[in-house]
């Protein structure tokens, strides 16, 4: 998606540890117009006929997930990273290793909100090693729901998570895949 790539080049910064800082428009301060354009792009990339929900993970996936859900006319569901007192009943859970926080995290989703009748599009802002998305796919499978695919705003292609998910047969579409990010700048993967 050219618009997203141009914003990454214009405003993104590469921090030590291959961190791509785009918090001025994607995950701290949100450009809702850009989010809407990404939601429309995802709607064109996936067969969303009969979709019942968009699924993401807290916290930075929620903004993009919300606008995608609104665009598709379905609810947003998000997996939590900690159990709160208001979650009751059965839970789906999946253990992942968070690249951002450098620790094991358990994704939790109340079983009330996802089941075998659901048809789900998973959406997230970033993909590095693929753990969060793997956990969401695991939760979708536990629920017996049908996975339409995975929509990612920015994939860090040099970290291999997206390639691993694609090899596993998941329908993954990333709007911008970064193959190299260092002090010399950002290089995008050519369209495939």
Foldseek 3Di string as FASTA:
>chain_A
DVVLVVLQQVPWAQDPPRDIDNLCDQFPNHDVVVLLVLLVVVPVVFDCVLAAEEEEEDDRFVSSRCSNCVVSVHYYFYWYQDDDPPADDDWDWDWFQDPVVRGITITIGRLVPAALSHEYEYEGAEAAQQGRVVGVVSSNVVRNYHYRAYEYAEYAVCRPNVVVVVVVVGHYDYNWYWPDDDPVGTDTDDDD
